[in-house]
Amino acid sequence: MNVKLSRLADAEVDEIHTWYDTHQDGLGEAFRTELNRTIELIRDHPEMFPVVFDDVRRATMKRFPYFLLYEVFPESAVVFNVMHGARDPRSWMTRDDA
């Protein structure tokens, strides 16, 4: 299954990568590696992660305190948000850019 990142999710990944790299050299790349591992799990097992509301699923990253919110469609899965684990996963619904 193909996994796509929305523009919002892609921008969030860039922001998180930059934040980690400013705090420790190479940590941003480690974040992207873990992100790609999580995306591979979604690709290989799209229904593996729990539904948190409606058809939206939450894939939690192992090493970093982030999760991916995504939805599975017949041809692909779309990651539409990458959020810090301390945030309510439903908060994306009230964002102006969601």
N, C-alpha and C. Protein backbone atom coordinates (compact mmCIF):
# COMPACT_ATOMS: atom_id res chain seq x y z
N MET A 1 0.85 -1.18 0.00
CA MET A 1 0.00 0.00 0.00
C MET A 1 0.89 1.24 0.00
N ASN A 2 0.51 2.22 -0.75
CA ASN A 2 1.21 3.49 -0.82
C ASN A 2 0.81 4.36 0.37
N VAL A 3 1.78 5.05 0.99
CA VAL A 3 1.50 5.96 2.10
C VAL A 3 1.93 7.36 1.66
N LYS A 4 1.00 8.30 1.78
CA LYS A 4 1.26 9.68 1.39
C LYS A 4 1.18 10.57 2.62
N LEU A 5 2.00 11.62 2.64
CA LEU A 5 1.93 12.63 3.68
C LEU A 5 1.24 13.86 3.12
N SER A 6 0.29 14.40 3.87
CA SER A 6 -0.35 15.64 3.46
C SER A 6 0.68 16.77 3.53
N ARG A 7 0.34 17.90 2.94
CA ARG A 7 1.25 19.05 3.01
C ARG A 7 1.47 19.47 4.46
N LEU A 8 0.42 19.43 5.25
CA LEU A 8 0.53 19.79 6.67
C LEU A 8 1.48 18.83 7.38
N ALA A 9 1.30 17.54 7.19
CA ALA A 9 2.17 16.55 7.84
C ALA A 9 3.62 16.72 7.39
N ASP A 10 3.82 16.96 6.11
CA ASP A 10 5.17 17.16 5.59
C ASP A 10 5.83 18.38 6.22
N ALA A 11 5.08 19.46 6.37
CA ALA A 11 5.60 20.68 7.01
C ALA A 11 5.92 20.42 8.48
N GLU A 12 5.08 19.65 9.16
CA GLU A 12 5.32 19.32 10.56
C GLU A 12 6.60 18.50 10.71
N VAL A 13 6.80 17.55 9.81
CA VAL A 13 8.01 16.72 9.85
C VAL A 13 9.25 17.61 9.69
N ASP A 14 9.22 18.54 8.76
CA ASP A 14 10.35 19.46 8.57
C ASP A 14 10.61 20.27 9.83
N GLU A 15 9.55 20.76 10.46
CA GLU A 15 9.68 21.56 11.68
C GLU A 15 10.27 20.74 12.83
N ILE A 16 9.79 19.52 12.99
CA ILE A 16 10.28 18.65 14.05
C ILE A 16 11.75 18.29 13.80
N HIS A 17 12.08 17.96 12.55
CA HIS A 17 13.45 17.64 12.17
C HIS A 17 14.38 18.78 12.52
N THR A 18 14.00 20.00 12.17
CA THR A 18 14.81 21.18 12.46
C THR A 18 14.97 21.37 13.96
N TRP A 19 13.89 21.21 14.71
CA TRP A 19 13.95 21.39 16.16
C TRP A 19 14.94 20.40 16.78
N TYR A 20 14.85 19.12 16.40
CA TYR A 20 15.77 18.13 16.96
C TYR A 20 17.21 18.42 16.56
N ASP A 21 17.45 18.83 15.33
CA ASP A 21 18.81 19.12 14.89
C ASP A 21 19.42 20.32 15.61
N THR A 22 18.59 21.28 16.01
CA THR A 22 19.13 22.43 16.74
C THR A 22 19.50 22.05 18.18
N HIS A 23 18.95 20.96 18.66
CA HIS A 23 19.23 20.54 20.04
C HIS A 23 20.36 19.50 20.11
N GLN A 24 20.51 18.72 19.05
CA GLN A 24 21.60 17.74 19.01
C GLN A 24 21.86 17.37 17.56
N ASP A 25 23.09 17.54 17.14
CA ASP A 25 23.46 17.23 15.77
C ASP A 25 23.14 15.77 15.43
N GLY A 26 22.43 15.58 14.33
CA GLY A 26 22.09 14.23 13.88
C GLY A 26 20.79 13.69 14.43
N LEU A 27 20.22 14.33 15.43
CA LEU A 27 18.99 13.82 16.03
C LEU A 27 17.80 14.00 15.09
N GLY A 28 17.83 15.05 14.28
CA GLY A 28 16.77 15.24 13.30
C GLY A 28 16.73 14.10 12.29
N GLU A 29 17.90 13.65 11.87
CA GLU A 29 17.96 12.52 10.93
C GLU A 29 17.49 11.24 11.59
N ALA A 30 17.80 11.08 12.88
CA ALA A 30 17.31 9.91 13.63
C ALA A 30 15.78 9.94 13.70
N PHE A 31 15.22 11.15 13.87
CA PHE A 31 13.76 11.28 13.87
C PHE A 31 13.19 10.83 12.53
N ARG A 32 13.79 11.30 11.43
CA ARG A 32 13.29 10.90 10.10
C ARG A 32 13.42 9.39 9.87
N THR A 33 14.48 8.79 10.37
CA THR A 33 14.64 7.34 10.23
C THR A 33 13.51 6.62 10.96
N GLU A 34 13.22 7.05 12.17
CA GLU A 34 12.13 6.44 12.94
C GLU A 34 10.77 6.71 12.28
N LEU A 35 10.60 7.90 11.74
CA LEU A 35 9.37 8.24 11.02
C LEU A 35 9.19 7.29 9.83
N ASN A 36 10.27 7.07 9.07
CA ASN A 36 10.19 6.17 7.91
C ASN A 36 9.88 4.74 8.34
N ARG A 37 10.40 4.32 9.47
CA ARG A 37 10.09 2.97 9.99
C ARG A 37 8.59 2.86 10.31
N THR A 38 8.05 3.91 10.91
CA THR A 38 6.62 3.92 11.24
C THR A 38 5.77 3.94 9.96
N ILE A 39 6.19 4.70 8.98
CA ILE A 39 5.48 4.74 7.69
C ILE A 39 5.52 3.37 7.02
N GLU A 40 6.65 2.68 7.11
CA GLU A 40 6.74 1.32 6.55
C GLU A 40 5.76 0.38 7.24
N LEU A 41 5.60 0.51 8.56
CA LEU A 41 4.62 -0.32 9.27
C LEU A 41 3.21 -0.02 8.78
N ILE A 42 2.90 1.25 8.58
CA ILE A 42 1.58 1.61 8.05
C ILE A 42 1.40 1.02 6.66
N ARG A 43 2.45 1.13 5.83
CA ARG A 43 2.38 0.59 4.47
C ARG A 43 2.13 -0.92 4.47
N ASP A 44 2.88 -1.63 5.32
CA ASP A 44 2.80 -3.09 5.33
C ASP A 44 1.59 -3.63 6.09
N HIS A 45 1.14 -2.88 7.09
CA HIS A 45 0.03 -3.33 7.95
C HIS A 45 -0.88 -2.13 8.27
N PRO A 46 -1.60 -1.62 7.28
CA PRO A 46 -2.35 -0.37 7.46
C PRO A 46 -3.39 -0.39 8.57
N GLU A 47 -3.91 -1.56 8.92
CA GLU A 47 -4.94 -1.63 9.94
C GLU A 47 -4.39 -2.09 11.29
N MET A 48 -3.09 -2.09 11.43
CA MET A 48 -2.43 -2.55 12.65
C MET A 48 -2.64 -1.60 13.82
N PHE A 49 -2.71 -0.31 13.54
CA PHE A 49 -2.79 0.69 14.60
C PHE A 49 -4.23 0.99 14.96
N PRO A 50 -4.47 1.41 16.20
CA PRO A 50 -5.85 1.60 16.67
C PRO A 50 -6.56 2.80 16.04
N VAL A 51 -7.86 2.64 15.90
CA VAL A 51 -8.71 3.74 15.47
C VAL A 51 -8.94 4.62 16.70
N VAL A 52 -8.72 5.93 16.54
CA VAL A 52 -8.92 6.83 17.68
C VAL A 52 -10.23 7.59 17.57
N PHE A 53 -10.75 7.76 16.38
CA PHE A 53 -12.10 8.30 16.15
C PHE A 53 -12.43 8.15 14.67
N ASP A 54 -13.70 7.95 14.40
CA ASP A 54 -14.17 7.68 13.03
C ASP A 54 -13.24 6.66 12.37
N ASP A 55 -12.65 6.99 11.22
CA ASP A 55 -11.74 6.09 10.52
C ASP A 55 -10.28 6.49 10.69
N VAL A 56 -10.00 7.38 11.61
CA VAL A 56 -8.65 7.89 11.82
C VAL A 56 -7.89 6.98 12.78
N ARG A 57 -6.69 6.59 12.36
CA ARG A 57 -5.84 5.72 13.16
C ARG A 57 -4.63 6.49 13.68
N ARG A 58 -4.06 5.98 14.78
CA ARG A 58 -2.89 6.62 15.38
C ARG A 58 -1.75 5.61 15.45
N ALA A 59 -0.65 5.95 14.74
CA ALA A 59 0.57 5.14 14.78
C ALA A 59 1.59 5.85 15.65
N THR A 60 1.94 5.25 16.76
CA THR A 60 2.88 5.86 17.69
C THR A 60 4.31 5.46 17.32
N MET A 61 5.18 6.46 17.32
CA MET A 61 6.60 6.20 17.04
C MET A 61 7.24 5.60 18.29
N LYS A 62 8.25 4.75 18.12
CA LYS A 62 8.89 4.08 19.25
C LYS A 62 9.88 4.98 19.99
N ARG A 63 10.80 5.59 19.29
CA ARG A 63 11.89 6.31 19.94
C ARG A 63 11.55 7.76 20.29
N PHE A 64 10.65 8.34 19.53
CA PHE A 64 10.31 9.75 19.71
C PHE A 64 8.86 9.88 20.17
N PRO A 65 8.55 10.92 20.95
CA PRO A 65 7.21 11.05 21.52
C PRO A 65 6.20 11.66 20.55
N TYR A 66 6.11 11.09 19.36
CA TYR A 66 5.21 11.59 18.33
C TYR A 66 4.35 10.46 17.81
N PHE A 67 3.22 10.84 17.25
CA PHE A 67 2.37 9.86 16.58
C PHE A 67 1.88 10.43 15.26
N LEU A 68 1.51 9.53 14.38
CA LEU A 68 1.01 9.89 13.07
C LEU A 68 -0.48 9.59 13.03
N LEU A 69 -1.26 10.56 12.62
CA LEU A 69 -2.69 10.34 12.41
C LEU A 69 -2.89 10.09 10.92
N TYR A 70 -3.57 9.01 10.62
CA TYR A 70 -3.74 8.65 9.21
C TYR A 70 -5.07 7.96 8.98
N GLU A 71 -5.42 7.92 7.71
CA GLU A 71 -6.65 7.24 7.31
C GLU A 71 -6.32 6.30 6.16
N VAL A 72 -6.94 5.14 6.17
CA VAL A 72 -6.72 4.13 5.14
C VAL A 72 -7.82 4.23 4.09
N PHE A 73 -7.40 4.32 2.83
CA PHE A 73 -8.30 4.34 1.69
C PHE A 73 -8.02 3.11 0.85
N PRO A 74 -8.87 2.80 -0.13
CA PRO A 74 -8.64 1.58 -0.92
C PRO A 74 -7.26 1.49 -1.58
N GLU A 75 -6.73 2.59 -2.07
CA GLU A 75 -5.47 2.56 -2.80
C GLU A 75 -4.27 3.05 -2.00
N SER A 76 -4.51 3.74 -0.89
CA SER A 76 -3.40 4.32 -0.15
C SER A 76 -3.82 4.65 1.28
N ALA A 77 -2.83 5.00 2.07
CA ALA A 77 -3.07 5.55 3.40
C ALA A 77 -2.52 6.98 3.36
N VAL A 78 -3.22 7.89 4.00
CA VAL A 78 -2.81 9.29 4.02
C VAL A 78 -2.54 9.71 5.46
N VAL A 79 -1.30 10.12 5.71
CA VAL A 79 -0.92 10.68 7.00
C VAL A 79 -1.22 12.16 6.91
N PHE A 80 -2.13 12.63 7.75
CA PHE A 80 -2.50 14.04 7.64
C PHE A 80 -2.00 14.87 8.80
N ASN A 81 -1.39 14.22 9.81
CA ASN A 81 -0.86 14.99 10.92
C ASN A 81 0.21 14.19 11.65
N VAL A 82 1.25 14.89 12.10
CA VAL A 82 2.29 14.32 12.95
C VAL A 82 2.27 15.17 14.22
N MET A 83 1.94 14.54 15.34
CA MET A 83 1.71 15.30 16.57
C MET A 83 2.55 14.77 17.72
N HIS A 84 2.86 15.66 18.64
CA HIS A 84 3.55 15.28 19.88
C HIS A 84 2.58 14.45 20.73
N GLY A 85 3.11 13.45 21.40
CA GLY A 85 2.30 12.54 22.19
C GLY A 85 1.51 13.17 23.32
N ALA A 86 1.93 14.35 23.77
CA ALA A 86 1.21 15.02 24.85
C ALA A 86 -0.05 15.73 24.37
N ARG A 87 -0.21 15.85 23.05
CA ARG A 87 -1.38 16.55 22.52
C ARG A 87 -2.55 15.59 22.32
N ASP A 88 -3.73 16.12 22.44
CA ASP A 88 -4.96 15.36 22.20
C ASP A 88 -5.06 15.12 20.69
N PRO A 89 -5.15 13.87 20.25
CA PRO A 89 -5.20 13.61 18.81
C PRO A 89 -6.40 14.26 18.12
N ARG A 90 -7.42 14.64 18.88
CA ARG A 90 -8.58 15.29 18.25
C ARG A 90 -8.35 16.78 18.03
N SER A 91 -7.26 17.33 18.57
CA SER A 91 -7.01 18.76 18.43
C SER A 91 -6.77 19.19 16.99
N TRP A 92 -6.38 18.26 16.11
CA TRP A 92 -6.16 18.61 14.71
C TRP A 92 -7.46 19.09 14.06
N MET A 93 -8.60 18.66 14.58
CA MET A 93 -9.88 19.02 13.97
C MET A 93 -10.22 20.50 14.14
N THR A 94 -9.62 21.16 15.12
CA THR A 94 -9.93 22.57 15.38
C THR A 94 -8.88 23.51 14.81
N ARG A 95 -7.86 22.97 14.14
CA ARG A 95 -6.81 23.82 13.57
C ARG A 95 -7.30 24.43 12.27
N ASP A 96 -6.90 25.66 12.04
CA ASP A 96 -7.28 26.36 10.81
C ASP A 96 -6.61 25.76 9.58
N ASP A 97 -5.44 25.15 9.75
CA ASP A 97 -4.71 24.61 8.61
C ASP A 97 -4.90 23.12 8.42
N ALA A 98 -5.80 22.51 9.16
CA ALA A 98 -6.04 21.06 9.05
C ALA A 98 -6.85 20.76 7.81
